[in-house]
């Protein structure tokens, strides 16, 4: 794989081994694995840090980044519907009124709250705290999708398929038992 990546990103004659490692590092996230730590956790029991905790924390932060993209999409949809109202009506669609802006605002406020919580979490945070944070984000997103489906309508659009994204992500992030 390293040779394939190297040949795709660099000219073989003009790229040194150091450049190749820098390129690989820039495209990959790194996680420090600490199998056992000497500090004490709850009940004076040794606290174990796992790779899963670091990955869950990364996933929680990733959800926040994706939510900012969705905020931008709602703002753009609101602006487009305002600027091209006649064009949208001529195509036989009903342009949205204010709900894209309301969704963008609610998602922004929630995202700031999630960002604040995410800032307090670290690799030393309990596995339970990170899972609860991730589940809060998923449940909030599902509530927002449900409201969106109610406003837009479930029969005429493809918006109900956005439920599948959250189901798939929950299955990726959590064990099969937790994903139910």
Protein backbone atom coordinates (compact mmCIF):
# COMPACT_ATOMS: atom_id res chain seq x y z
CA UNK A 1 0.00 0.00 0.00
CA UNK A 2 2.85 2.36 0.82
CA UNK A 3 4.26 2.03 -2.70
CA UNK A 4 0.84 2.63 -4.26
CA UNK A 5 0.26 5.70 -2.10
CA UNK A 6 3.77 6.94 -2.88
CA UNK A 7 3.28 6.55 -6.61
CA UNK A 8 -0.06 8.37 -6.49
CA UNK A 9 1.18 11.34 -4.46
CA UNK A 10 4.78 11.85 -5.53
CA UNK A 11 6.97 11.67 -8.54
CA UNK A 12 9.36 8.82 -7.76
CA UNK A 13 12.42 10.77 -8.88
CA UNK A 14 11.57 13.95 -6.94
CA UNK A 15 10.36 12.62 -3.59
CA UNK A 16 12.57 11.45 -0.75
CA UNK A 17 11.73 8.92 1.94
CA UNK A 18 11.25 11.75 4.48
CA UNK A 19 8.72 13.49 2.23
CA UNK A 20 6.79 10.25 1.89
CA UNK A 21 6.50 9.80 5.66
CA UNK A 22 5.36 13.42 6.07
CA UNK A 23 2.68 12.91 3.44
CA UNK A 24 1.47 9.74 5.12
CA UNK A 25 1.36 11.45 8.51
CA UNK A 26 -0.66 14.35 7.14
CA UNK A 27 -3.37 12.01 5.84
CA UNK A 28 -3.66 9.76 8.87
CA UNK A 29 -5.03 10.37 12.33
CA UNK A 30 -2.89 8.99 15.10
CA UNK A 31 -3.99 7.59 18.42
CA UNK A 32 -1.74 6.84 21.34
CA UNK A 33 -2.48 3.45 22.84
CA UNK A 34 -1.89 3.21 26.57
CA UNK A 35 -2.91 -0.30 27.58
CA UNK A 36 -2.42 0.28 31.29
CA UNK A 37 -1.93 3.47 33.19
CA UNK A 38 -0.52 3.89 36.66
CA UNK A 39 -3.05 6.46 37.82
CA UNK A 40 -6.12 5.36 39.73
CA UNK A 41 -9.67 5.63 38.46
CA UNK A 42 -12.94 5.07 40.26
CA UNK A 43 -12.83 3.05 43.51
CA UNK A 44 -9.01 3.27 43.52
CA UNK A 45 -8.89 0.67 40.77
CA UNK A 46 -6.27 1.05 38.05
CA UNK A 47 -7.76 2.96 35.12
CA UNK A 48 -7.29 1.33 31.73
CA UNK A 49 -7.19 3.49 28.63
CA UNK A 50 -8.14 1.77 25.47
CA UNK A 51 -7.91 2.42 21.79
CA UNK A 52 -11.74 2.28 21.68
CA UNK A 53 -12.00 5.29 24.00
CA UNK A 54 -9.75 7.37 21.74
CA UNK A 55 -11.69 6.31 18.65
CA UNK A 56 -15.06 7.10 20.27
CA UNK A 57 -13.79 10.52 21.27
CA UNK A 58 -12.56 11.10 17.72
CA UNK A 59 -15.98 10.01 16.38
CA UNK A 60 -17.77 12.43 18.71
CA UNK A 61 -15.60 15.26 17.43
CA UNK A 62 -16.16 14.12 13.84
CA UNK A 63 -19.96 14.33 14.37
CA UNK A 64 -19.53 17.97 15.44
CA UNK A 65 -17.56 18.77 12.27
CA UNK A 66 -20.18 17.13 10.07
CA UNK A 67 -22.94 19.05 11.84
CA UNK A 68 -21.21 22.34 10.92
CA UNK A 69 -21.37 21.27 7.28
CA UNK A 70 -25.10 20.61 7.67
CA UNK A 71 -25.55 24.09 9.18
CA UNK A 72 -23.88 25.57 6.11
CA UNK A 73 -26.15 23.48 3.85
CA UNK A 74 -29.27 24.79 5.62
CA UNK A 75 -28.08 28.41 5.38
CA UNK A 76 -27.29 27.95 1.67
CA UNK A 77 -30.69 26.32 1.09
CA UNK A 78 -32.39 29.25 2.81
CA UNK A 79 -30.44 31.79 0.77
CA UNK A 80 -31.08 29.92 -2.48
CA UNK A 81 -34.80 29.68 -1.76
CA UNK A 82 -34.90 33.42 -1.03
CA UNK A 83 -32.88 34.48 -4.07
CA UNK A 84 -34.39 32.04 -6.58
CA UNK A 85 -37.97 31.88 -5.30
CA UNK A 86 -39.49 32.39 -8.76
CA UNK A 87 -37.25 29.79 -10.36
CA UNK A 88 -38.16 27.24 -7.69
CA UNK A 89 -41.87 27.91 -8.19
CA UNK A 90 -41.54 27.68 -11.98
CA UNK A 91 -40.06 24.19 -11.55
CA UNK A 92 -43.16 23.16 -9.59
CA UNK A 93 -41.60 23.18 -6.12
CA UNK A 94 -42.65 25.09 -3.04
CA UNK A 95 -39.69 27.13 -1.79
CA UNK A 96 -38.98 26.87 1.93
CA UNK A 97 -39.72 29.93 4.01
CA UNK A 98 -37.85 30.32 7.29
CA UNK A 99 -37.36 26.76 8.47
CA UNK A 100 -33.85 26.32 6.96
CA UNK A 101 -32.65 29.28 9.04
CA UNK A 102 -34.37 27.95 12.16
CA UNK A 103 -32.76 24.55 11.63
CA UNK A 104 -29.36 26.17 11.10
CA UNK A 105 -29.74 28.18 14.30
CA UNK A 106 -30.87 25.21 16.42
CA UNK A 107 -28.09 23.01 15.03
CA UNK A 108 -25.53 25.76 15.67
CA UNK A 109 -26.60 26.21 19.29
CA UNK A 110 -26.60 22.46 19.87
CA UNK A 111 -23.23 22.14 18.14
CA UNK A 112 -21.73 24.81 20.39
CA UNK A 113 -23.03 22.88 23.40
CA UNK A 114 -21.62 19.62 22.06
CA UNK A 115 -18.32 21.37 21.30
CA UNK A 116 -18.19 22.62 24.89
CA UNK A 117 -18.80 19.11 26.22
CA UNK A 118 -16.30 17.68 23.75
CA UNK A 119 -13.69 20.14 25.00
CA UNK A 120 -14.07 18.80 28.54
CA UNK A 121 -13.61 15.20 27.41
CA UNK A 122 -10.16 13.74 26.90
CA UNK A 123 -8.49 10.36 26.49
CA UNK A 124 -8.59 10.09 30.28
CA UNK A 125 -12.40 10.53 30.37
CA UNK A 126 -14.44 7.51 31.26
CA UNK A 127 -15.67 5.29 28.46
CA UNK A 128 -19.22 5.83 29.71
CA UNK A 129 -18.92 9.64 29.48
CA UNK A 130 -17.70 9.49 25.90
CA UNK A 131 -20.46 7.04 24.93
CA UNK A 132 -23.13 9.21 26.53
CA UNK A 133 -21.79 12.25 24.66
CA UNK A 134 -21.91 10.37 21.37
CA UNK A 135 -25.40 9.00 22.04
CA UNK A 136 -26.66 12.51 22.93
CA UNK A 137 -25.47 13.72 19.56
CA UNK A 138 -27.08 10.82 17.71
CA UNK A 139 -30.42 11.20 19.52
CA UNK A 140 -30.43 14.96 18.95
CA UNK A 141 -29.74 14.44 15.23
CA UNK A 142 -32.52 11.87 14.98
CA UNK A 143 -34.95 14.31 16.61
CA UNK A 144 -33.90 17.00 14.13
CA UNK A 145 -34.32 14.59 11.20
CA UNK A 146 -37.79 13.66 12.48
CA UNK A 147 -38.81 17.33 12.64
CA UNK A 148 -37.36 17.88 9.17
CA UNK A 149 -39.31 14.92 7.77
CA UNK A 150 -42.47 16.30 9.37
CA UNK A 151 -41.96 19.77 7.87
CA UNK A 152 -40.89 18.70 4.39
CA UNK A 153 -43.07 15.62 4.12
CA UNK A 154 -42.15 11.98 4.01
CA UNK A 155 -43.83 10.84 0.81
CA UNK A 156 -42.59 13.36 -1.75
CA UNK A 157 -38.90 13.58 -0.76
CA UNK A 158 -35.89 11.44 -0.06
CA UNK A 159 -35.22 13.06 3.33
CA UNK A 160 -36.44 10.00 5.33
CA UNK A 161 -33.39 8.16 3.96
CA UNK A 162 -31.21 10.34 6.21
CA UNK A 163 -32.31 8.06 9.06
CA UNK A 164 -30.13 5.41 7.43
CA UNK A 165 -27.00 7.55 7.88
CA UNK A 166 -27.51 7.62 11.63
CA UNK A 167 -28.33 3.93 11.81
CA UNK A 168 -25.18 3.08 9.85
CA UNK A 169 -23.03 5.41 11.94
CA UNK A 170 -24.40 3.96 15.19
CA UNK A 171 -23.58 0.48 13.90
CA UNK A 172 -20.05 1.57 13.03
CA UNK A 173 -19.38 3.44 16.27
CA UNK A 174 -20.91 0.98 18.73
CA UNK A 175 -21.14 -2.75 19.25
CA UNK A 176 -24.11 -4.62 17.73
CA UNK A 177 -25.84 -4.83 21.11
CA UNK A 178 -25.44 -1.09 21.73
CA UNK A 179 -26.60 -0.18 18.23
CA UNK A 180 -30.10 -1.46 18.86
